[in-house]
Amino acid sequence: MSDAPRKVLWTADEIAARGKPFKQRLNPNSEFIGAGLSRMAGMSRAHVTLARLPAGKDSFAYHAHMMEEEWIYIISGRGVAEIDGESHEVGPGNFMGFATPSVPHLLKNPFEEELVYLMGGEDRPLDVLDYPALGKRYLLVGSAGGTEFYELGAPIKPFGPA
């Protein structure tokens, strides 16, 4: 473990230089630039990311978290939030909070200008994500090399009701 102090103040230029492209493989239209603000500051129990969603792109695939709470706060631009089967136009100052187990959600940018937002939540070592439109469920496991995804089968109750 290093004795060097963690960098706690990051400038806008430094944050912009740390932005990385992300794509979610279950949605071919998923593409955004993200800077992991909390990771840059050495935080490990919560996460906050500054995201830039280009025109015509989606954030992820339509999904619901079973264990991790998540939130989104719109800074600039406009988007469409798909939340539990309904579409909602969102813009600056709008907040979305997804307590667990969450309803399915997805953020899209069908407009011409970039959509900029903060997203974050808990950082648990395990989460289960449902992708209802795809009929898939995944176990997410945090590891030193990043997040590992394991596809799960249909839930079963081998011992009957609890």
N, C-alpha and C. Protein backbone atom coordinates (compact mmCIF):
# COMPACT_ATOMS: atom_id res chain seq x y z
N MET A 1 0.85 -1.17 0.00
CA MET A 1 0.00 0.00 0.00
C MET A 1 0.89 1.24 0.00
N SER A 2 0.56 2.21 -0.81
CA SER A 2 1.36 3.41 -0.94
C SER A 2 1.05 4.39 0.19
N ASP A 3 2.10 5.11 0.63
CA ASP A 3 1.92 6.15 1.63
C ASP A 3 1.66 7.50 1.00
N ALA A 4 1.68 7.57 -0.33
CA ALA A 4 1.44 8.84 -1.03
C ALA A 4 -0.01 9.27 -0.82
N PRO A 5 -0.21 10.58 -0.61
CA PRO A 5 -1.60 11.04 -0.43
C PRO A 5 -2.39 10.90 -1.73
N ARG A 6 -3.67 10.62 -1.57
CA ARG A 6 -4.55 10.51 -2.74
C ARG A 6 -4.86 11.90 -3.26
N LYS A 7 -5.02 11.99 -4.57
CA LYS A 7 -5.40 13.25 -5.19
C LYS A 7 -6.90 13.43 -4.96
N VAL A 8 -7.29 14.53 -4.32
CA VAL A 8 -8.69 14.74 -3.98
C VAL A 8 -9.36 15.81 -4.84
N LEU A 9 -8.58 16.68 -5.48
CA LEU A 9 -9.14 17.72 -6.32
C LEU A 9 -8.72 17.48 -7.76
N TRP A 10 -9.70 17.40 -8.63
CA TRP A 10 -9.46 17.16 -10.05
C TRP A 10 -10.07 18.31 -10.84
N THR A 11 -9.33 18.87 -11.79
CA THR A 11 -9.84 19.96 -12.62
C THR A 11 -10.66 19.41 -13.77
N ALA A 12 -11.46 20.27 -14.37
CA ALA A 12 -12.29 19.86 -15.51
C ALA A 12 -11.42 19.30 -16.63
N ASP A 13 -10.26 19.91 -16.90
CA ASP A 13 -9.37 19.40 -17.96
C ASP A 13 -8.83 18.02 -17.61
N GLU A 14 -8.48 17.80 -16.35
CA GLU A 14 -7.98 16.48 -15.93
C GLU A 14 -9.07 15.42 -16.05
N ILE A 15 -10.29 15.80 -15.68
CA ILE A 15 -11.41 14.86 -15.78
C ILE A 15 -11.67 14.51 -17.25
N ALA A 16 -11.68 15.52 -18.12
CA ALA A 16 -11.91 15.28 -19.55
C ALA A 16 -10.85 14.34 -20.12
N ALA A 17 -9.61 14.51 -19.69
CA ALA A 17 -8.52 13.66 -20.19
C ALA A 17 -8.66 12.22 -19.73
N ARG A 18 -9.39 11.97 -18.66
CA ARG A 18 -9.58 10.62 -18.12
C ARG A 18 -10.81 9.91 -18.70
N GLY A 19 -11.59 10.60 -19.52
CA GLY A 19 -12.77 9.98 -20.11
C GLY A 19 -12.41 8.83 -21.03
N LYS A 20 -13.12 7.73 -20.90
CA LYS A 20 -12.88 6.53 -21.72
C LYS A 20 -14.18 6.11 -22.39
N PRO A 21 -14.09 5.58 -23.59
CA PRO A 21 -15.31 5.09 -24.25
C PRO A 21 -15.79 3.78 -23.63
N PHE A 22 -17.09 3.65 -23.49
CA PHE A 22 -17.71 2.43 -22.98
C PHE A 22 -18.79 1.98 -23.94
N LYS A 23 -18.90 0.67 -24.11
CA LYS A 23 -19.96 0.06 -24.90
C LYS A 23 -20.46 -1.14 -24.11
N GLN A 24 -21.76 -1.33 -24.08
CA GLN A 24 -22.34 -2.47 -23.41
C GLN A 24 -22.68 -3.50 -24.48
N ARG A 25 -22.10 -4.67 -24.40
CA ARG A 25 -22.18 -5.63 -25.50
C ARG A 25 -23.59 -6.16 -25.80
N LEU A 26 -24.51 -6.03 -24.85
CA LEU A 26 -25.87 -6.51 -25.09
C LEU A 26 -26.72 -5.52 -25.89
N ASN A 27 -26.19 -4.32 -26.13
CA ASN A 27 -26.89 -3.30 -26.93
C ASN A 27 -25.91 -2.73 -27.93
N PRO A 28 -26.04 -3.06 -29.22
CA PRO A 28 -25.09 -2.56 -30.22
C PRO A 28 -25.11 -1.04 -30.36
N ASN A 29 -26.15 -0.37 -29.85
CA ASN A 29 -26.22 1.10 -29.93
C ASN A 29 -25.68 1.77 -28.67
N SER A 30 -25.16 1.00 -27.74
CA SER A 30 -24.61 1.55 -26.50
C SER A 30 -23.23 2.14 -26.76
N GLU A 31 -23.08 3.41 -26.37
CA GLU A 31 -21.77 4.06 -26.52
C GLU A 31 -21.77 5.38 -25.75
N PHE A 32 -20.88 5.51 -24.78
CA PHE A 32 -20.73 6.77 -24.07
C PHE A 32 -19.29 6.93 -23.62
N ILE A 33 -18.93 8.15 -23.25
CA ILE A 33 -17.62 8.45 -22.70
C ILE A 33 -17.82 8.65 -21.20
N GLY A 34 -17.06 7.93 -20.38
CA GLY A 34 -17.22 8.02 -18.94
C GLY A 34 -15.91 8.29 -18.23
N ALA A 35 -15.96 9.13 -17.21
CA ALA A 35 -14.81 9.38 -16.34
C ALA A 35 -15.23 9.00 -14.92
N GLY A 36 -14.58 8.00 -14.37
CA GLY A 36 -14.91 7.49 -13.03
C GLY A 36 -14.39 8.42 -11.95
N LEU A 37 -15.17 9.43 -11.61
CA LEU A 37 -14.73 10.46 -10.66
C LEU A 37 -14.36 9.88 -9.31
N SER A 38 -15.19 9.01 -8.76
CA SER A 38 -14.90 8.45 -7.44
C SER A 38 -13.63 7.59 -7.46
N ARG A 39 -13.42 6.84 -8.54
CA ARG A 39 -12.21 6.02 -8.64
C ARG A 39 -10.97 6.89 -8.73
N MET A 40 -11.08 8.00 -9.47
CA MET A 40 -9.94 8.91 -9.59
C MET A 40 -9.52 9.45 -8.23
N ALA A 41 -10.49 9.64 -7.33
CA ALA A 41 -10.21 10.16 -5.99
C ALA A 41 -9.87 9.06 -4.99
N GLY A 42 -9.83 7.81 -5.45
CA GLY A 42 -9.46 6.71 -4.57
C GLY A 42 -10.61 6.15 -3.75
N MET A 43 -11.84 6.53 -4.09
CA MET A 43 -13.00 6.03 -3.34
C MET A 43 -13.33 4.59 -3.76
N SER A 44 -13.81 3.79 -2.81
CA SER A 44 -14.10 2.39 -3.15
C SER A 44 -15.49 1.92 -2.70
N ARG A 45 -16.21 2.68 -1.88
CA ARG A 45 -17.49 2.20 -1.36
C ARG A 45 -18.70 2.75 -2.12
N ALA A 46 -18.50 3.79 -2.88
CA ALA A 46 -19.56 4.36 -3.71
C ALA A 46 -18.92 4.73 -5.04
N HIS A 47 -19.74 4.85 -6.05
CA HIS A 47 -19.16 5.27 -7.32
C HIS A 47 -19.95 6.41 -7.93
N VAL A 48 -19.21 7.30 -8.61
CA VAL A 48 -19.77 8.43 -9.35
C VAL A 48 -19.00 8.53 -10.65
N THR A 49 -19.73 8.60 -11.75
CA THR A 49 -19.12 8.71 -13.07
C THR A 49 -19.74 9.89 -13.80
N LEU A 50 -18.90 10.68 -14.47
CA LEU A 50 -19.36 11.72 -15.38
C LEU A 50 -19.47 11.07 -16.75
N ALA A 51 -20.67 11.08 -17.32
CA ALA A 51 -20.91 10.41 -18.60
C ALA A 51 -21.34 11.41 -19.66
N ARG A 52 -20.88 11.17 -20.89
CA ARG A 52 -21.25 11.97 -22.06
C ARG A 52 -21.83 11.01 -23.09
N LEU A 53 -23.11 11.18 -23.37
CA LEU A 53 -23.83 10.30 -24.29
C LEU A 53 -24.02 11.03 -25.62
N PRO A 54 -23.33 10.57 -26.68
CA PRO A 54 -23.44 11.25 -27.98
C PRO A 54 -24.84 11.14 -28.57
N ALA A 55 -25.12 12.03 -29.50
CA ALA A 55 -26.40 12.02 -30.22
C ALA A 55 -26.63 10.65 -30.84
N GLY A 56 -27.85 10.15 -30.71
CA GLY A 56 -28.23 8.89 -31.35
C GLY A 56 -27.80 7.63 -30.63
N LYS A 57 -27.20 7.75 -29.44
CA LYS A 57 -26.68 6.58 -28.73
C LYS A 57 -27.48 6.28 -27.46
N ASP A 58 -27.29 5.06 -26.93
CA ASP A 58 -27.90 4.60 -25.69
C ASP A 58 -26.81 4.42 -24.64
N SER A 59 -27.19 4.51 -23.35
CA SER A 59 -26.21 4.31 -22.29
C SER A 59 -25.82 2.83 -22.16
N PHE A 60 -26.76 1.97 -21.95
CA PHE A 60 -26.53 0.54 -21.75
C PHE A 60 -27.65 -0.22 -22.46
N ALA A 61 -27.88 -1.44 -22.06
CA ALA A 61 -29.07 -2.18 -22.46
C ALA A 61 -30.11 -1.97 -21.36
N TYR A 62 -31.37 -2.09 -21.69
CA TYR A 62 -32.48 -1.94 -20.74
C TYR A 62 -32.28 -2.99 -19.64
N HIS A 63 -32.13 -2.55 -18.39
CA HIS A 63 -31.74 -3.46 -17.31
C HIS A 63 -32.34 -3.05 -15.98
N ALA A 64 -32.30 -3.97 -15.03
CA ALA A 64 -32.73 -3.73 -13.65
C ALA A 64 -31.72 -4.37 -12.71
N HIS A 65 -31.35 -3.62 -11.66
CA HIS A 65 -30.42 -4.13 -10.65
C HIS A 65 -31.18 -4.81 -9.52
N MET A 66 -30.67 -5.94 -9.07
CA MET A 66 -31.27 -6.64 -7.95
C MET A 66 -30.63 -6.26 -6.62
N MET A 67 -29.35 -5.82 -6.63
CA MET A 67 -28.64 -5.59 -5.37
C MET A 67 -28.06 -4.19 -5.22
N GLU A 68 -27.64 -3.55 -6.28
CA GLU A 68 -27.02 -2.23 -6.20
C GLU A 68 -28.01 -1.12 -6.54
N GLU A 69 -28.08 -0.13 -5.67
CA GLU A 69 -28.88 1.05 -6.00
C GLU A 69 -28.09 1.93 -6.96
N GLU A 70 -28.83 2.63 -7.81
CA GLU A 70 -28.22 3.45 -8.86
C GLU A 70 -28.98 4.77 -8.97
N TRP A 71 -28.29 5.82 -9.39
CA TRP A 71 -28.94 7.11 -9.63
C TRP A 71 -28.32 7.79 -10.85
N ILE A 72 -29.09 8.72 -11.43
CA ILE A 72 -28.65 9.50 -12.59
C ILE A 72 -29.12 10.94 -12.38
N TYR A 73 -28.23 11.90 -12.63
CA TYR A 73 -28.56 13.33 -12.55
C TYR A 73 -28.13 13.99 -13.85
N ILE A 74 -29.07 14.61 -14.56
CA ILE A 74 -28.79 15.22 -15.85
C ILE A 74 -28.18 16.61 -15.65
N ILE A 75 -27.03 16.85 -16.30
CA ILE A 75 -26.34 18.14 -16.22
C ILE A 75 -26.71 19.02 -17.41
N SER A 76 -26.60 18.47 -18.63
CA SER A 76 -26.93 19.26 -19.82
C SER A 76 -27.39 18.34 -20.94
N GLY A 77 -28.09 18.95 -21.91
CA GLY A 77 -28.64 18.18 -23.02
C GLY A 77 -30.00 17.62 -22.64
N ARG A 78 -30.54 16.83 -23.56
CA ARG A 78 -31.83 16.17 -23.33
C ARG A 78 -31.67 14.70 -23.66
N GLY A 79 -32.53 13.90 -23.08
CA GLY A 79 -32.52 12.47 -23.37
C GLY A 79 -33.91 11.90 -23.15
N VAL A 80 -34.01 10.61 -23.37
CA VAL A 80 -35.24 9.88 -23.10
C VAL A 80 -34.87 8.74 -22.15
N ALA A 81 -35.54 8.72 -20.99
CA ALA A 81 -35.35 7.66 -20.02
C ALA A 81 -36.47 6.64 -20.22
N GLU A 82 -36.10 5.42 -20.49
CA GLU A 82 -37.05 4.31 -20.53
C GLU A 82 -37.06 3.73 -19.12
N ILE A 83 -38.18 3.88 -18.42
CA ILE A 83 -38.28 3.43 -17.03
C ILE A 83 -39.53 2.57 -16.89
N ASP A 84 -39.32 1.31 -16.59
CA ASP A 84 -40.40 0.37 -16.34
C ASP A 84 -41.46 0.39 -17.45
N GLY A 85 -40.97 0.38 -18.70
CA GLY A 85 -41.86 0.30 -19.86
C GLY A 85 -42.43 1.61 -20.34
N GLU A 86 -42.06 2.73 -19.72
CA GLU A 86 -42.56 4.03 -20.14
C GLU A 86 -41.41 4.95 -20.53
N SER A 87 -41.65 5.85 -21.50
CA SER A 87 -40.65 6.81 -21.96
C SER A 87 -40.90 8.16 -21.32
N HIS A 88 -39.82 8.79 -20.86
CA HIS A 88 -39.88 10.11 -20.22
C HIS A 88 -38.76 10.97 -20.79
N GLU A 89 -39.09 12.16 -21.31
CA GLU A 89 -38.04 13.08 -21.73
C GLU A 89 -37.41 13.67 -20.48
N VAL A 90 -36.08 13.72 -20.44
CA VAL A 90 -35.35 14.26 -19.30
C VAL A 90 -34.38 15.34 -19.77
N GLY A 91 -34.06 16.26 -18.85
CA GLY A 91 -33.15 17.35 -19.16
C GLY A 91 -32.45 17.84 -17.91
N PRO A 92 -31.73 18.95 -18.03
CA PRO A 92 -30.92 19.46 -16.93
C PRO A 92 -31.71 19.60 -15.63
N GLY A 93 -31.11 19.09 -14.55
CA GLY A 93 -31.72 19.15 -13.24
C GLY A 93 -32.60 17.97 -12.89
N ASN A 94 -32.90 17.10 -13.86
CA ASN A 94 -33.73 15.92 -13.58
C ASN A 94 -32.88 14.85 -12.89
N PHE A 95 -33.51 14.16 -11.94
CA PHE A 95 -32.85 13.12 -11.16
C PHE A 95 -33.66 11.84 -11.24
N MET A 96 -32.99 10.72 -11.38
CA MET A 96 -33.62 9.41 -11.36
C MET A 96 -32.92 8.57 -10.30
N GLY A 97 -33.68 7.94 -9.41
CA GLY A 97 -33.10 7.09 -8.38
C GLY A 97 -33.73 5.72 -8.44
N PHE A 98 -32.89 4.70 -8.49
CA PHE A 98 -33.37 3.33 -8.65
C PHE A 98 -32.99 2.50 -7.42
N ALA A 99 -33.94 2.45 -6.46
CA ALA A 99 -33.76 1.61 -5.28
C ALA A 99 -33.89 0.14 -5.69
N THR A 100 -33.30 -0.74 -4.91
CA THR A 100 -33.35 -2.15 -5.28
C THR A 100 -34.48 -2.87 -4.56
N PRO A 101 -35.02 -3.92 -5.17
CA PRO A 101 -34.75 -4.27 -6.57
C PRO A 101 -35.35 -3.21 -7.47
N SER A 102 -34.57 -2.80 -8.47
CA SER A 102 -34.99 -1.66 -9.29
C SER A 102 -35.92 -2.07 -10.42
N VAL A 103 -36.61 -1.07 -10.92
CA VAL A 103 -37.38 -1.27 -12.14
C VAL A 103 -36.41 -1.18 -13.31
N PRO A 104 -36.73 -1.80 -14.45
CA PRO A 104 -35.84 -1.72 -15.60
C PRO A 104 -35.74 -0.27 -16.09
N HIS A 105 -34.53 0.07 -16.59
CA HIS A 105 -34.30 1.43 -17.06
C HIS A 105 -33.19 1.49 -18.10
N LEU A 106 -33.22 2.58 -18.87
CA LEU A 106 -32.23 2.83 -19.93
C LEU A 106 -32.30 4.30 -20.27
N LEU A 107 -31.15 4.92 -20.53
CA LEU A 107 -31.09 6.31 -20.95
C LEU A 107 -30.66 6.36 -22.41
N LYS A 108 -31.43 7.09 -23.22
CA LYS A 108 -31.16 7.22 -24.66
C LYS A 108 -30.99 8.69 -25.02
N ASN A 109 -30.24 8.95 -26.09
CA ASN A 109 -30.11 10.31 -26.58
C ASN A 109 -30.52 10.36 -28.06
N PRO A 110 -31.81 10.57 -28.34
CA PRO A 110 -32.27 10.66 -29.73
C PRO A 110 -32.11 12.07 -30.30
N PHE A 111 -31.54 12.99 -29.53
CA PHE A 111 -31.44 14.39 -29.94
C PHE A 111 -30.08 14.69 -30.58
N GLU A 112 -29.91 15.88 -31.09
CA GLU A 112 -28.70 16.23 -31.83
C GLU A 112 -27.52 16.65 -30.96
N GLU A 113 -27.79 17.11 -29.71
CA GLU A 113 -26.69 17.54 -28.85
C GLU A 113 -26.33 16.44 -27.85
N GLU A 114 -25.10 16.49 -27.40
CA GLU A 114 -24.60 15.54 -26.41
C GLU A 114 -25.39 15.66 -25.10
N LEU A 115 -25.64 14.53 -24.45
CA LEU A 115 -26.30 14.48 -23.15
C LEU A 115 -25.21 14.22 -22.10
N VAL A 116 -25.12 15.11 -21.10
CA VAL A 116 -24.09 14.99 -20.06
C VAL A 116 -24.79 14.75 -18.73
N TYR A 117 -24.33 13.75 -17.99
CA TYR A 117 -24.97 13.41 -16.72
C TYR A 117 -23.99 12.76 -15.76
N LEU A 118 -24.36 12.79 -14.49
CA LEU A 118 -23.65 12.05 -13.46
C LEU A 118 -24.46 10.79 -13.18
N MET A 119 -23.76 9.69 -12.98
CA MET A 119 -24.43 8.46 -12.56
C MET A 119 -23.58 7.83 -11.47
N GLY A 120 -24.25 7.13 -10.59
CA GLY A 120 -23.50 6.50 -9.52
C GLY A 120 -24.40 5.65 -8.67
N GLY A 121 -23.85 5.27 -7.53
CA GLY A 121 -24.58 4.45 -6.60
C GLY A 121 -23.64 3.66 -5.73
N GLU A 122 -24.13 2.53 -5.30
CA GLU A 122 -23.34 1.66 -4.44
C GLU A 122 -22.28 0.92 -5.26
N ASP A 123 -21.28 0.44 -4.58
CA ASP A 123 -20.26 -0.38 -5.23
C ASP A 123 -20.12 -1.67 -4.45
N ARG A 124 -21.06 -2.56 -4.65
CA ARG A 124 -21.03 -3.85 -3.97
C ARG A 124 -20.18 -4.83 -4.77
N PRO A 125 -19.62 -5.83 -4.12
CA PRO A 125 -18.79 -6.79 -4.86
C PRO A 125 -19.60 -7.68 -5.80
N LEU A 126 -20.92 -7.80 -5.55
CA LEU A 126 -21.78 -8.63 -6.39
C LEU A 126 -23.06 -7.87 -6.73
N ASP A 127 -23.57 -8.09 -7.92
CA ASP A 127 -24.88 -7.59 -8.30
C ASP A 127 -25.48 -8.59 -9.27
N VAL A 128 -26.78 -8.58 -9.38
CA VAL A 128 -27.49 -9.38 -10.37
C VAL A 128 -28.29 -8.41 -11.21
N LEU A 129 -28.11 -8.50 -12.53
CA LEU A 129 -28.83 -7.63 -13.45
C LEU A 129 -29.77 -8.46 -14.31
N ASP A 130 -31.00 -8.00 -14.39
CA ASP A 130 -31.99 -8.59 -15.30
C ASP A 130 -32.06 -7.71 -16.53
N TYR A 131 -32.15 -8.34 -17.69
CA TYR A 131 -32.35 -7.66 -18.98
C TYR A 131 -33.67 -8.18 -19.54
N PRO A 132 -34.80 -7.59 -19.10
CA PRO A 132 -36.11 -8.17 -19.43
C PRO A 132 -36.41 -8.21 -20.92
N ALA A 133 -35.94 -7.24 -21.69
CA ALA A 133 -36.21 -7.24 -23.13
C ALA A 133 -35.44 -8.33 -23.85
N LEU A 134 -34.36 -8.81 -23.22
CA LEU A 134 -33.51 -9.83 -23.83
C LEU A 134 -33.73 -11.21 -23.21
N GLY A 135 -34.48 -11.26 -22.11
CA GLY A 135 -34.69 -12.54 -21.43
C GLY A 135 -33.41 -13.09 -20.84
N LYS A 136 -32.53 -12.19 -20.34
CA LYS A 136 -31.25 -12.62 -19.78
C LYS A 136 -31.07 -12.08 -18.37
N ARG A 137 -30.25 -12.78 -17.60
CA ARG A 137 -29.89 -12.37 -16.24
C ARG A 137 -28.41 -12.68 -16.07
N TYR A 138 -27.70 -11.73 -15.43
CA TYR A 138 -26.25 -11.89 -15.23
C TYR A 138 -25.88 -11.63 -13.78
N LEU A 139 -24.89 -12.38 -13.31
CA LEU A 139 -24.23 -12.11 -12.05
C LEU A 139 -23.01 -11.26 -12.38
N LEU A 140 -22.84 -10.12 -11.71
CA LEU A 140 -21.68 -9.26 -11.88
C LEU A 140 -20.80 -9.42 -10.66
N VAL A 141 -19.52 -9.67 -10.90
CA VAL A 141 -18.56 -9.86 -9.82
C VAL A 141 -17.42 -8.87 -10.03
N GLY A 142 -17.20 -8.02 -9.02
CA GLY A 142 -16.10 -7.07 -9.09
C GLY A 142 -14.78 -7.79 -8.88
N SER A 143 -13.78 -7.45 -9.71
CA SER A 143 -12.46 -8.05 -9.57
C SER A 143 -11.40 -6.99 -9.85
N ALA A 144 -10.16 -7.30 -9.55
CA ALA A 144 -9.08 -6.34 -9.78
C ALA A 144 -8.97 -5.96 -11.25
N GLY A 145 -9.35 -6.86 -12.14
CA GLY A 145 -9.26 -6.58 -13.57
C GLY A 145 -10.51 -5.94 -14.15
N GLY A 146 -11.48 -5.61 -13.32
CA GLY A 146 -12.74 -5.04 -13.80
C GLY A 146 -13.90 -5.92 -13.39
N THR A 147 -15.04 -5.68 -13.98
CA THR A 147 -16.24 -6.44 -13.65
C THR A 147 -16.34 -7.68 -14.52
N GLU A 148 -16.58 -8.82 -13.90
CA GLU A 148 -16.79 -10.07 -14.62
C GLU A 148 -18.28 -10.35 -14.69
N PHE A 149 -18.76 -10.81 -15.86
CA PHE A 149 -20.18 -11.10 -16.08
C PHE A 149 -20.36 -12.60 -16.26
N TYR A 150 -21.32 -13.16 -15.53
CA TYR A 150 -21.64 -14.58 -15.67
C TYR A 150 -23.12 -14.69 -15.97
N GLU A 151 -23.45 -15.30 -17.11
CA GLU A 151 -24.85 -15.45 -17.47
C GLU A 151 -25.49 -16.52 -16.58
N LEU A 152 -26.67 -16.21 -16.08
CA LEU A 152 -27.40 -17.12 -15.21
C LEU A 152 -28.58 -17.71 -15.96
N GLY A 153 -28.99 -18.87 -15.57
CA GLY A 153 -30.19 -19.49 -16.15
C GLY A 153 -31.44 -18.94 -15.47
N ALA A 154 -32.55 -19.52 -15.83
CA ALA A 154 -33.82 -19.13 -15.21
C ALA A 154 -33.79 -19.46 -13.74
N PRO A 155 -34.35 -18.59 -12.88
CA PRO A 155 -34.36 -18.90 -11.46
C PRO A 155 -35.18 -20.16 -11.18
N ILE A 156 -34.68 -20.96 -10.25
CA ILE A 156 -35.42 -22.15 -9.85
C ILE A 156 -35.56 -22.15 -8.33
N LYS A 157 -36.55 -22.85 -7.83
CA LYS A 157 -36.74 -22.98 -6.40
C LYS A 157 -36.77 -24.48 -6.09
N PRO A 158 -35.57 -25.09 -5.94
CA PRO A 158 -35.51 -26.54 -5.79
C PRO A 158 -36.16 -27.07 -4.52
N PHE A 159 -36.30 -26.22 -3.52
CA PHE A 159 -36.85 -26.69 -2.26
C PHE A 159 -38.28 -26.20 -2.03
N GLY A 160 -38.90 -25.64 -3.04
CA GLY A 160 -40.25 -25.12 -2.89
C GLY A 160 -40.26 -23.77 -2.22
N PRO A 161 -41.43 -23.29 -1.82
CA PRO A 161 -41.52 -21.98 -1.17
C PRO A 161 -40.72 -21.95 0.12
N ALA A 162 -40.19 -20.81 0.43
CA ALA A 162 -39.39 -20.64 1.66
C ALA A 162 -40.27 -20.72 2.88
